[in-house]
Amino acid sequence: MKASISKSEICGKAAAPSSKSYTIRGLICAALADGKSEIISPLASDDTKAAINVLKKVGVNIRQQKSSWKVDGGNFKAPAADLFCGDSAATLRFMIAIGATIPASAT
């Protein structure tokens, strides 16, 4: 049996899945930025939902659409209730820093 191997070109597209870590970081950056931001192809998970819930409680407007999330950032306020980050360590770490910038008392 004879086999012939020749050079060829690879073509096509592949979409890499988003990561929850990058999605949470994107939410935090968008929340800190003045104006509107868009996160394209975010990953929806329990941790990213926790980040969204906490950010909404401190005044960040987040609109979730099918393939992107739109965030209006730069307008933090004191939360009316406790902030619960769930099991999301990344959300907790970032919210400690953000919470320190919000003029309010903490218990």
PDB file of N, CA and C in Angstrom:
ATOM      1  N   MET A   1       0.839  -1.176   0.000  1.00  0.00           N
ATOM      2  CA  MET A   1       0.000   0.000   0.000  1.00  0.00           C
ATOM      3  C   MET A   1       0.879   1.232   0.000  1.00  0.00           C
ATOM      4  N   LYS A   2       0.528   2.188  -0.837  1.00  0.00           N
ATOM      5  CA  LYS A   2       1.248   3.453  -0.882  1.00  0.00           C
ATOM      6  C   LYS A   2       0.342   4.550  -0.329  1.00  0.00           C
ATOM      7  N   ALA A   3       0.932   5.436   0.445  1.00  0.00           N
ATOM      8  CA  ALA A   3       0.195   6.591   0.982  1.00  0.00           C
ATOM      9  C   ALA A   3       0.900   7.845   0.528  1.00  0.00           C
ATOM     10  N   SER A   4       0.137   8.825   0.153  1.00  0.00           N
ATOM     11  CA  SER A   4       0.688  10.102  -0.285  1.00  0.00           C
ATOM     12  C   SER A   4       0.227  11.190   0.679  1.00  0.00           C
ATOM     13  N   ILE A   5       1.182  11.927   1.209  1.00  0.00           N
ATOM     14  CA  ILE A   5       0.871  13.017   2.128  1.00  0.00           C
ATOM     15  C   ILE A   5       1.350  14.301   1.483  1.00  0.00           C
ATOM     16  N   SER A   6       0.439  15.274   1.417  1.00  0.00           N
ATOM     17  CA  SER A   6       0.815  16.553   0.825  1.00  0.00           C
ATOM     18  C   SER A   6       0.390  17.697   1.729  1.00  0.00           C
ATOM     19  N   LYS A   7       0.998  18.822   1.505  1.00  0.00           N
ATOM     20  CA  LYS A   7       0.721  20.012   2.283  1.00  0.00           C
ATOM     21  C   LYS A   7      -0.690  20.506   1.965  1.00  0.00           C
ATOM     22  N   SER A   8      -1.399  20.971   2.985  1.00  0.00           N
ATOM     23  CA  SER A   8      -2.728  21.540   2.771  1.00  0.00           C
ATOM     24  C   SER A   8      -2.909  22.753   3.675  1.00  0.00           C
ATOM     25  N   GLU A   9      -3.982  23.472   3.490  1.00  0.00           N
ATOM     26  CA  GLU A   9      -4.284  24.646   4.310  1.00  0.00           C
ATOM     27  C   GLU A   9      -5.477  24.350   5.206  1.00  0.00           C
ATOM     28  N   ILE A  10      -5.418  24.931   6.374  1.00  0.00           N
ATOM     29  CA  ILE A  10      -6.530  24.803   7.312  1.00  0.00           C
ATOM     30  C   ILE A  10      -7.395  26.038   7.169  1.00  0.00           C
ATOM     31  N   CYS A  11      -8.685  25.845   7.085  1.00  0.00           N
ATOM     32  CA  CYS A  11      -9.586  26.995   7.012  1.00  0.00           C
ATOM     33  C   CYS A  11     -10.837  26.699   7.829  1.00  0.00           C
ATOM     34  N   GLY A  12     -11.499  27.747   8.248  1.00  0.00           N
ATOM     35  CA  GLY A  12     -12.718  27.605   9.030  1.00  0.00           C
ATOM     36  C   GLY A  12     -12.695  28.524  10.225  1.00  0.00           C
ATOM     37  N   LYS A  13     -13.735  28.476  11.016  1.00  0.00           N
ATOM     38  CA  LYS A  13     -13.842  29.313  12.202  1.00  0.00           C
ATOM     39  C   LYS A  13     -14.266  28.454  13.380  1.00  0.00           C
ATOM     40  N   ALA A  14     -13.746  28.789  14.522  1.00  0.00           N
ATOM     41  CA  ALA A  14     -14.142  28.109  15.750  1.00  0.00           C
ATOM     42  C   ALA A  14     -14.314  29.167  16.830  1.00  0.00           C
ATOM     43  N   ALA A  15     -15.424  29.124  17.529  1.00  0.00           N
ATOM     44  CA  ALA A  15     -15.675  30.062  18.612  1.00  0.00           C
ATOM     45  C   ALA A  15     -15.253  29.429  19.929  1.00  0.00           C
ATOM     46  N   ALA A  16     -14.372  30.098  20.630  1.00  0.00           N
ATOM     47  CA  ALA A  16     -13.939  29.604  21.937  1.00  0.00           C
ATOM     48  C   ALA A  16     -14.984  29.994  22.977  1.00  0.00           C
ATOM     49  N   PRO A  17     -15.325  29.088  23.855  1.00  0.00           N
ATOM     50  CA  PRO A  17     -16.323  29.433  24.875  1.00  0.00           C
ATOM     51  C   PRO A  17     -15.772  30.462  25.857  1.00  0.00           C
ATOM     52  N   SER A  18     -16.645  31.298  26.354  1.00  0.00           N
ATOM     53  CA  SER A  18     -16.253  32.297  27.354  1.00  0.00           C
ATOM     54  C   SER A  18     -15.930  31.591  28.667  1.00  0.00           C
ATOM     55  N   SER A  19     -15.220  32.277  29.519  1.00  0.00           N
ATOM     56  CA  SER A  19     -14.958  31.729  30.850  1.00  0.00           C
ATOM     57  C   SER A  19     -15.695  32.568  31.878  1.00  0.00           C
ATOM     58  N   LYS A  20     -16.050  31.957  33.003  1.00  0.00           N
ATOM     59  CA  LYS A  20     -16.753  32.718  34.038  1.00  0.00           C
ATOM     60  C   LYS A  20     -15.831  33.772  34.637  1.00  0.00           C
ATOM     61  N   SER A  21     -14.554  33.462  34.730  1.00  0.00           N
ATOM     62  CA  SER A  21     -13.596  34.410  35.273  1.00  0.00           C
ATOM     63  C   SER A  21     -13.513  35.671  34.409  1.00  0.00           C
ATOM     64  N   TYR A  22     -13.393  35.494  33.103  1.00  0.00           N
ATOM     65  CA  TYR A  22     -13.340  36.649  32.198  1.00  0.00           C
ATOM     66  C   TYR A  22     -14.665  37.401  32.184  1.00  0.00           C
ATOM     67  N   THR A  23     -15.773  36.680  32.285  1.00  0.00           N
ATOM     68  CA  THR A  23     -17.073  37.341  32.294  1.00  0.00           C
ATOM     69  C   THR A  23     -17.237  38.195  33.549  1.00  0.00           C
ATOM     70  N   ILE A  24     -16.843  37.674  34.696  1.00  0.00           N
ATOM     71  CA  ILE A  24     -16.933  38.457  35.939  1.00  0.00           C
ATOM     72  C   ILE A  24     -16.017  39.666  35.861  1.00  0.00           C
ATOM     73  N   ARG A  25     -14.808  39.485  35.363  1.00  0.00           N
ATOM     74  CA  ARG A  25     -13.889  40.624  35.220  1.00  0.00           C
ATOM     75  C   ARG A  25     -14.449  41.664  34.262  1.00  0.00           C
ATOM     76  N   GLY A  26     -15.087  41.212  33.193  1.00  0.00           N
ATOM     77  CA  GLY A  26     -15.719  42.134  32.256  1.00  0.00           C
ATOM     78  C   GLY A  26     -16.838  42.918  32.922  1.00  0.00           C
ATOM     79  N   LEU A  27     -17.652  42.251  33.735  1.00  0.00           N
ATOM     80  CA  LEU A  27     -18.723  42.935  34.458  1.00  0.00           C
ATOM     81  C   LEU A  27     -18.159  43.988  35.408  1.00  0.00           C
ATOM     82  N   ILE A  28     -17.111  43.638  36.137  1.00  0.00           N
ATOM     83  CA  ILE A  28     -16.500  44.567  37.087  1.00  0.00           C
ATOM     84  C   ILE A  28     -15.910  45.765  36.354  1.00  0.00           C
ATOM     85  N   CYS A  29     -15.178  45.524  35.271  1.00  0.00           N
ATOM     86  CA  CYS A  29     -14.592  46.628  34.495  1.00  0.00           C
ATOM     87  C   CYS A  29     -15.677  47.530  33.927  1.00  0.00           C
ATOM     88  N   ALA A  30     -16.741  46.933  33.404  1.00  0.00           N
ATOM     89  CA  ALA A  30     -17.843  47.719  32.845  1.00  0.00           C
ATOM     90  C   ALA A  30     -18.534  48.525  33.938  1.00  0.00           C
ATOM     91  N   ALA A  31     -18.667  47.950  35.129  1.00  0.00           N
ATOM     92  CA  ALA A  31     -19.289  48.669  36.244  1.00  0.00           C
ATOM     93  C   ALA A  31     -18.439  49.853  36.685  1.00  0.00           C
ATOM     94  N   LEU A  32     -17.129  49.704  36.628  1.00  0.00           N
ATOM     95  CA  LEU A  32     -16.224  50.791  37.032  1.00  0.00           C
ATOM     96  C   LEU A  32     -16.096  51.883  35.976  1.00  0.00           C
ATOM     97  N   ALA A  33     -16.354  51.546  34.732  1.00  0.00           N
ATOM     98  CA  ALA A  33     -16.206  52.508  33.635  1.00  0.00           C
ATOM     99  C   ALA A  33     -17.389  53.466  33.604  1.00  0.00           C
ATOM    100  N   ASP A  34     -17.129  54.710  33.253  1.00  0.00           N
ATOM    101  CA  ASP A  34     -18.211  55.663  33.037  1.00  0.00           C
ATOM    102  C   ASP A  34     -18.874  55.354  31.707  1.00  0.00           C
ATOM    103  N   GLY A  35     -20.194  55.415  31.677  1.00  0.00           N
ATOM    104  CA  GLY A  35     -20.913  55.219  30.421  1.00  0.00           C
ATOM    105  C   GLY A  35     -21.329  53.787  30.196  1.00  0.00           C
ATOM    106  N   LYS A  36     -21.571  53.460  28.937  1.00  0.00           N
ATOM    107  CA  LYS A  36     -22.116  52.162  28.556  1.00  0.00           C
ATOM    108  C   LYS A  36     -21.017  51.229  28.044  1.00  0.00           C
ATOM    109  N   SER A  37     -21.139  49.968  28.418  1.00  0.00           N
ATOM    110  CA  SER A  37     -20.223  48.926  27.942  1.00  0.00           C
ATOM    111  C   SER A  37     -21.056  47.738  27.479  1.00  0.00           C
ATOM    112  N   GLU A  38     -20.457  46.910  26.634  1.00  0.00           N
ATOM    113  CA  GLU A  38     -21.131  45.705  26.165  1.00  0.00           C
ATOM    114  C   GLU A  38     -20.191  44.520  26.313  1.00  0.00           C
ATOM    115  N   ILE A  39     -20.692  43.475  26.934  1.00  0.00           N
ATOM    116  CA  ILE A  39     -19.940  42.227  27.071  1.00  0.00           C
ATOM    117  C   ILE A  39     -20.527  41.266  26.048  1.00  0.00           C
ATOM    118  N   ILE A  40     -19.708  40.873  25.089  1.00  0.00           N
ATOM    119  CA  ILE A  40     -20.171  40.034  23.989  1.00  0.00           C
ATOM    120  C   ILE A  40     -19.872  38.570  24.307  1.00  0.00           C
ATOM    121  N   SER A  41     -20.829  37.715  24.096  1.00  0.00           N
ATOM    122  CA  SER A  41     -20.732  36.271  24.349  1.00  0.00           C
ATOM    123  C   SER A  41     -20.311  35.951  25.781  1.00  0.00           C
ATOM    124  N   PRO A  42     -21.033  36.498  26.777  1.00  0.00           N
ATOM    125  CA  PRO A  42     -20.675  36.191  28.160  1.00  0.00           C
ATOM    126  C   PRO A  42     -21.080  34.770  28.529  1.00  0.00           C
ATOM    127  N   LEU A  43     -20.469  34.266  29.585  1.00  0.00           N
ATOM    128  CA  LEU A  43     -20.829  32.948  30.096  1.00  0.00           C
ATOM    129  C   LEU A  43     -21.804  33.128  31.254  1.00  0.00           C
ATOM    130  N   ALA A  44     -22.972  32.552  31.145  1.00  0.00           N
ATOM    131  CA  ALA A  44     -23.954  32.585  32.235  1.00  0.00           C
ATOM    132  C   ALA A  44     -23.700  31.387  33.142  1.00  0.00           C
ATOM    133  N   SER A  45     -23.430  31.662  34.404  1.00  0.00           N
ATOM    134  CA  SER A  45     -23.196  30.609  35.392  1.00  0.00           C
ATOM    135  C   SER A  45     -23.686  31.119  36.740  1.00  0.00           C
ATOM    136  N   ASP A  46     -23.664  30.272  37.743  1.00  0.00           N
ATOM    137  CA  ASP A  46     -24.065  30.713  39.081  1.00  0.00           C
ATOM    138  C   ASP A  46     -23.183  31.857  39.561  1.00  0.00           C
ATOM    139  N   ASP A  47     -21.889  31.785  39.289  1.00  0.00           N
ATOM    140  CA  ASP A  47     -20.968  32.831  39.730  1.00  0.00           C
ATOM    141  C   ASP A  47     -21.212  34.154  39.005  1.00  0.00           C
ATOM    142  N   THR A  48     -21.456  34.108  37.700  1.00  0.00           N
ATOM    143  CA  THR A  48     -21.712  35.358  36.980  1.00  0.00           C
ATOM    144  C   THR A  48     -23.071  35.940  37.375  1.00  0.00           C
ATOM    145  N   LYS A  49     -24.039  35.083  37.684  1.00  0.00           N
ATOM    146  CA  LYS A  49     -25.335  35.577  38.177  1.00  0.00           C
ATOM    147  C   LYS A  49     -25.165  36.254  39.528  1.00  0.00           C
ATOM    148  N   ALA A  50     -24.314  35.696  40.388  1.00  0.00           N
ATOM    149  CA  ALA A  50     -24.044  36.314  41.688  1.00  0.00           C
ATOM    150  C   ALA A  50     -23.421  37.694  41.496  1.00  0.00           C
ATOM    151  N   ALA A  51     -22.485  37.805  40.556  1.00  0.00           N
ATOM    152  CA  ALA A  51     -21.848  39.094  40.273  1.00  0.00           C
ATOM    153  C   ALA A  51     -22.882  40.105  39.782  1.00  0.00           C
ATOM    154  N   ILE A  52     -23.760  39.687  38.900  1.00  0.00           N
ATOM    155  CA  ILE A  52     -24.801  40.581  38.387  1.00  0.00           C
ATOM    156  C   ILE A  52     -25.711  41.048  39.513  1.00  0.00           C
ATOM    157  N   ASN A  53     -26.148  40.128  40.369  1.00  0.00           N
ATOM    158  CA  ASN A  53     -27.045  40.489  41.469  1.00  0.00           C
ATOM    159  C   ASN A  53     -26.403  41.490  42.416  1.00  0.00           C
ATOM    160  N   VAL A  54     -25.150  41.276  42.760  1.00  0.00           N
ATOM    161  CA  VAL A  54     -24.452  42.179  43.669  1.00  0.00           C
ATOM    162  C   VAL A  54     -24.252  43.549  43.015  1.00  0.00           C
ATOM    163  N   LEU A  55     -23.850  43.565  41.751  1.00  0.00           N
ATOM    164  CA  LEU A  55     -23.642  44.837  41.066  1.00  0.00           C
ATOM    165  C   LEU A  55     -24.946  45.627  40.934  1.00  0.00           C
ATOM    166  N   LYS A  56     -26.035  44.930  40.682  1.00  0.00           N
ATOM    167  CA  LYS A  56     -27.335  45.616  40.599  1.00  0.00           C
ATOM    168  C   LYS A  56     -27.703  46.240  41.938  1.00  0.00           C
ATOM    169  N   LYS A  57     -27.369  45.587  43.045  1.00  0.00           N
ATOM    170  CA  LYS A  57     -27.691  46.122  44.370  1.00  0.00           C
ATOM    171  C   LYS A  57     -26.896  47.379  44.704  1.00  0.00           C
ATOM    172  N   VAL A  58     -25.759  47.580  44.030  1.00  0.00           N
ATOM    173  CA  VAL A  58     -24.980  48.802  44.274  1.00  0.00           C
ATOM    174  C   VAL A  58     -25.192  49.828  43.157  1.00  0.00           C
ATOM    175  N   GLY A  59     -26.253  49.652  42.376  1.00  0.00           N
ATOM    176  CA  GLY A  59     -26.660  50.682  41.428  1.00  0.00           C
ATOM    177  C   GLY A  59     -26.239  50.518  39.992  1.00  0.00           C
ATOM    178  N   VAL A  60     -25.647  49.406  39.628  1.00  0.00           N
ATOM    179  CA  VAL A  60     -25.205  49.193  38.250  1.00  0.00           C
ATOM    180  C   VAL A  60     -26.372  48.614  37.443  1.00  0.00           C
ATOM    181  N   ASN A  61     -26.674  49.232  36.323  1.00  0.00           N
ATOM    182  CA  ASN A  61     -27.747  48.754  35.455  1.00  0.00           C
ATOM    183  C   ASN A  61     -27.170  47.755  34.456  1.00  0.00           C
ATOM    184  N   ILE A  62     -27.687  46.531  34.475  1.00  0.00           N
ATOM    185  CA  ILE A  62     -27.209  45.470  33.577  1.00  0.00           C
ATOM    186  C   ILE A  62     -28.413  44.899  32.841  1.00  0.00           C
ATOM    187  N   ARG A  63     -28.348  44.933  31.521  1.00  0.00           N
ATOM    188  CA  ARG A  63     -29.413  44.382  30.684  1.00  0.00           C
ATOM    189  C   ARG A  63     -28.871  43.152  29.973  1.00  0.00           C
ATOM    190  N   GLN A  64     -29.439  42.014  30.278  1.00  0.00           N
ATOM    191  CA  GLN A  64     -28.984  40.764  29.682  1.00  0.00           C
ATOM    192  C   GLN A  64     -29.782  40.482  28.415  1.00  0.00           C
ATOM    193  N   GLN A  65     -29.068  40.323  27.316  1.00  0.00           N
ATOM    194  CA  GLN A  65     -29.679  39.963  26.056  1.00  0.00           C
ATOM    195  C   GLN A  65     -29.139  38.601  25.650  1.00  0.00           C
ATOM    196  N   LYS A  66     -29.617  38.086  24.548  1.00  0.00           N
ATOM    197  CA  LYS A  66     -29.258  36.713  24.151  1.00  0.00           C
ATOM    198  C   LYS A  66     -27.746  36.521  23.996  1.00  0.00           C
ATOM    199  N   SER A  67     -27.084  37.382  23.256  1.00  0.00           N
ATOM    200  CA  SER A  67     -25.662  37.160  22.978  1.00  0.00           C
ATOM    201  C   SER A  67     -24.740  38.223  23.575  1.00  0.00           C
ATOM    202  N   SER A  68     -25.303  39.154  24.343  1.00  0.00           N
ATOM    203  CA  SER A  68     -24.467  40.169  24.976  1.00  0.00           C
ATOM    204  C   SER A  68     -25.171  40.744  26.194  1.00  0.00           C
ATOM    205  N   TRP A  69     -24.377  41.338  27.065  1.00  0.00           N
ATOM    206  CA  TRP A  69     -24.915  42.028  28.237  1.00  0.00           C
ATOM    207  C   TRP A  69     -24.479  43.477  28.140  1.00  0.00           C
ATOM    208  N   LYS A  70     -25.404  44.393  28.347  1.00  0.00           N
ATOM    209  CA  LYS A  70     -25.105  45.824  28.304  1.00  0.00           C
ATOM    210  C   LYS A  70     -25.064  46.347  29.734  1.00  0.00           C
ATOM    211  N   VAL A  71     -24.025  47.098  30.044  1.00  0.00           N
ATOM    212  CA  VAL A  71     -23.782  47.565  31.406  1.00  0.00           C
ATOM    213  C   VAL A  71     -23.628  49.072  31.405  1.00  0.00           C
ATOM    214  N   ASP A  72     -24.383  49.748  32.283  1.00  0.00           N
ATOM    215  CA  ASP A  72     -24.222  51.187  32.503  1.00  0.00           C
ATOM    216  C   ASP A  72     -23.414  51.345  33.780  1.00  0.00           C
ATOM    217  N   GLY A  73     -22.176  51.767  33.651  1.00  0.00           N
ATOM    218  CA  GLY A  73     -21.284  51.810  34.799  1.00  0.00           C
ATOM    219  C   GLY A  73     -21.065  53.188  35.371  1.00  0.00           C
ATOM    220  N   GLY A  74     -20.287  53.222  36.448  1.00  0.00           N
ATOM    221  CA  GLY A  74     -19.850  54.474  37.035  1.00  0.00           C
ATOM    222  C   GLY A  74     -20.788  55.098  38.042  1.00  0.00           C
ATOM    223  N   ASN A  75     -21.902  54.459  38.368  1.00  0.00           N
ATOM    224  CA  ASN A  75     -22.883  55.059  39.281  1.00  0.00           C
ATOM    225  C   ASN A  75     -23.148  54.151  40.474  1.00  0.00           C
ATOM    226  N   PHE A  76     -22.216  54.091  41.406  1.00  0.00           N
ATOM    227  CA  PHE A  76     -22.396  53.240  42.571  1.00  0.00           C
ATOM    228  C   PHE A  76     -23.195  53.970  43.643  1.00  0.00           C
ATOM    229  N   LYS A  77     -23.979  53.204  44.394  1.00  0.00           N
ATOM    230  CA  LYS A  77     -24.738  53.741  45.519  1.00  0.00           C
ATOM    231  C   LYS A  77     -24.673  52.724  46.658  1.00  0.00           C
ATOM    232  N   ALA A  78     -25.016  53.184  47.838  1.00  0.00           N
ATOM    233  CA  ALA A  78     -25.036  52.285  48.982  1.00  0.00           C
ATOM    234  C   ALA A  78     -26.165  51.274  48.806  1.00  0.00           C
ATOM    235  N   PRO A  79     -25.904  50.011  49.047  1.00  0.00           N
ATOM    236  CA  PRO A  79     -26.969  49.009  48.889  1.00  0.00           C
ATOM    237  C   PRO A  79     -27.996  49.107  50.015  1.00  0.00           C
ATOM    238  N   ALA A  80     -29.247  48.770  49.688  1.00  0.00           N
ATOM    239  CA  ALA A  80     -30.315  48.787  50.692  1.00  0.00           C
ATOM    240  C   ALA A  80     -30.325  47.506  51.522  1.00  0.00           C
ATOM    241  N   ALA A  81     -29.658  46.476  51.049  1.00  0.00           N
ATOM    242  CA  ALA A  81     -29.636  45.187  51.749  1.00  0.00           C
ATOM    243  C   ALA A  81     -28.224  44.605  51.685  1.00  0.00           C
ATOM    244  N   ASP A  82     -28.020  43.516  52.403  1.00  0.00           N
ATOM    245  CA  ASP A  82     -26.726  42.836  52.395  1.00  0.00           C
ATOM    246  C   ASP A  82     -26.385  42.360  50.988  1.00  0.00           C
ATOM    247  N   LEU A  83     -25.094  42.322  50.694  1.00  0.00           N
ATOM    248  CA  LEU A  83     -24.618  41.807  49.411  1.00  0.00           C
ATOM    249  C   LEU A  83     -24.193  40.360  49.616  1.00  0.00           C
ATOM    250  N   PHE A  84     -24.715  39.471  48.791  1.00  0.00           N
ATOM    251  CA  PHE A  84     -24.396  38.057  48.902  1.00  0.00           C
ATOM    252  C   PHE A  84     -23.724  37.600  47.611  1.00  0.00           C
ATOM    253  N   CYS A  85     -22.482  37.192  47.699  1.00  0.00           N
ATOM    254  CA  CYS A  85     -21.700  36.791  46.529  1.00  0.00           C
ATOM    255  C   CYS A  85     -21.805  35.308  46.219  1.00  0.00           C
ATOM    256  N   GLY A  86     -22.608  34.576  46.968  1.00  0.00           N
ATOM    257  CA  GLY A  86     -22.726  33.143  46.733  1.00  0.00           C
ATOM    258  C   GLY A  86     -21.378  32.469  46.957  1.00  0.00           C
ATOM    259  N   ASP A  87     -21.044  31.540  46.098  1.00  0.00           N
ATOM    260  CA  ASP A  87     -19.761  30.838  46.178  1.00  0.00           C
ATOM    261  C   ASP A  87     -18.722  31.438  45.235  1.00  0.00           C
ATOM    262  N   SER A  88     -18.992  32.643  44.737  1.00  0.00           N
ATOM    263  CA  SER A  88     -18.092  33.270  43.773  1.00  0.00           C
ATOM    264  C   SER A  88     -16.984  34.051  44.474  1.00  0.00           C
ATOM    265  N   ALA A  89     -15.824  33.436  44.581  1.00  0.00           N
ATOM    266  CA  ALA A  89     -14.686  34.085  45.235  1.00  0.00           C
ATOM    267  C   ALA A  89     -14.215  35.310  44.449  1.00  0.00           C
ATOM    268  N   ALA A  90     -14.262  35.245  43.132  1.00  0.00           N
ATOM    269  CA  ALA A  90     -13.846  36.390  42.320  1.00  0.00           C
ATOM    270  C   ALA A  90     -14.758  37.582  42.583  1.00  0.00           C
ATOM    271  N   THR A  91     -16.060  37.334  42.639  1.00  0.00           N
ATOM    272  CA  THR A  91     -17.005  38.420  42.920  1.00  0.00           C
ATOM    273  C   THR A  91     -16.732  39.008  44.296  1.00  0.00           C
ATOM    274  N   LEU A  92     -16.498  38.175  45.281  1.00  0.00           N
ATOM    275  CA  LEU A  92     -16.206  38.651  46.635  1.00  0.00           C
ATOM    276  C   LEU A  92     -14.959  39.530  46.647  1.00  0.00           C
ATOM    277  N   ARG A  93     -13.889  39.070  46.018  1.00  0.00           N
ATOM    278  CA  ARG A  93     -12.636  39.836  46.018  1.00  0.00           C
ATOM    279  C   ARG A  93     -12.819  41.200  45.362  1.00  0.00           C
ATOM    280  N   PHE A  94     -13.485  41.238  44.223  1.00  0.00           N
ATOM    281  CA  PHE A  94     -13.679  42.516  43.529  1.00  0.00           C
ATOM    282  C   PHE A  94     -14.648  43.422  44.290  1.00  0.00           C
ATOM    283  N   MET A  95     -15.681  42.848  44.884  1.00  0.00           N
ATOM    284  CA  MET A  95     -16.668  43.671  45.577  1.00  0.00           C
ATOM    285  C   MET A  95     -16.131  44.251  46.883  1.00  0.00           C
ATOM    286  N   ILE A  96     -15.153  43.622  47.492  1.00  0.00           N
ATOM    287  CA  ILE A  96     -14.514  44.211  48.673  1.00  0.00           C
ATOM    288  C   ILE A  96     -13.881  45.546  48.277  1.00  0.00           C
ATOM    289  N   ALA A  97     -13.171  45.556  47.161  1.00  0.00           N
ATOM    290  CA  ALA A  97     -12.529  46.790  46.699  1.00  0.00           C
ATOM    291  C   ALA A  97     -13.563  47.821  46.260  1.00  0.00           C
ATOM    292  N   ILE A  98     -14.571  47.399  45.516  1.00  0.00           N
ATOM    293  CA  ILE A  98     -15.602  48.338  45.060  1.00  0.00           C
ATOM    294  C   ILE A  98     -16.379  48.871  46.260  1.00  0.00           C
ATOM    295  N   GLY A  99     -16.701  48.007  47.214  1.00  0.00           N
ATOM    296  CA  GLY A  99     -17.438  48.441  48.403  1.00  0.00           C
ATOM    297  C   GLY A  99     -16.708  49.505  49.176  1.00  0.00           C
ATOM    298  N   ALA A 100     -15.389  49.448  49.164  1.00  0.00           N
ATOM    299  CA  ALA A 100     -14.587  50.449  49.881  1.00  0.00           C
ATOM    300  C   ALA A 100     -14.699  51.832  49.239  1.00  0.00           C
ATOM    301  N   THR A 101     -15.125  51.908  47.987  1.00  0.00           N
ATOM    302  CA  THR A 101     -15.249  53.214  47.315  1.00  0.00           C
ATOM    303  C   THR A 101     -16.637  53.824  47.467  1.00  0.00           C
ATOM    304  N   ILE A 102     -17.598  53.050  47.973  1.00  0.00           N
ATOM    305  CA  ILE A 102     -18.983  53.531  48.106  1.00  0.00           C
ATOM    306  C   ILE A 102     -19.132  54.191  49.472  1.00  0.00           C
ATOM    307  N   PRO A 103     -19.546  55.472  49.500  1.00  0.00           N
ATOM    308  CA  PRO A 103     -19.692  56.145  50.787  1.00  0.00           C
ATOM    309  C   PRO A 103     -20.926  55.617  51.547  1.00  0.00           C
ATOM    310  N   ALA A 104     -20.670  54.745  52.485  1.00  0.00           N
ATOM    311  CA  ALA A 104     -21.729  54.158  53.317  1.00  0.00           C
ATOM    312  C   ALA A 104     -21.064  53.480  54.500  1.00  0.00           C
ATOM    313  N   SER A 105     -21.864  53.095  55.466  1.00  0.00           N
ATOM    314  CA  SER A 105     -21.303  52.360  56.594  1.00  0.00           C
ATOM    315  C   SER A 105     -21.545  50.872  56.388  1.00  0.00           C
ATOM    316  N   ALA A 106     -20.655  50.078  56.921  1.00  0.00           N
ATOM    317  CA  ALA A 106     -20.768  48.623  56.792  1.00  0.00           C
ATOM    318  C   ALA A 106     -20.754  48.003  58.177  1.00  0.00           C
ATOM    319  N   THR A 107     -21.491  46.912  58.310  1.00  0.00           N
ATOM    320  CA  THR A 107     -21.502  46.224  59.598  1.00  0.00           C
ATOM    321  C   THR A 107     -21.034  44.811  59.423  1.00  0.00           C
TER     322      THR A 107
END
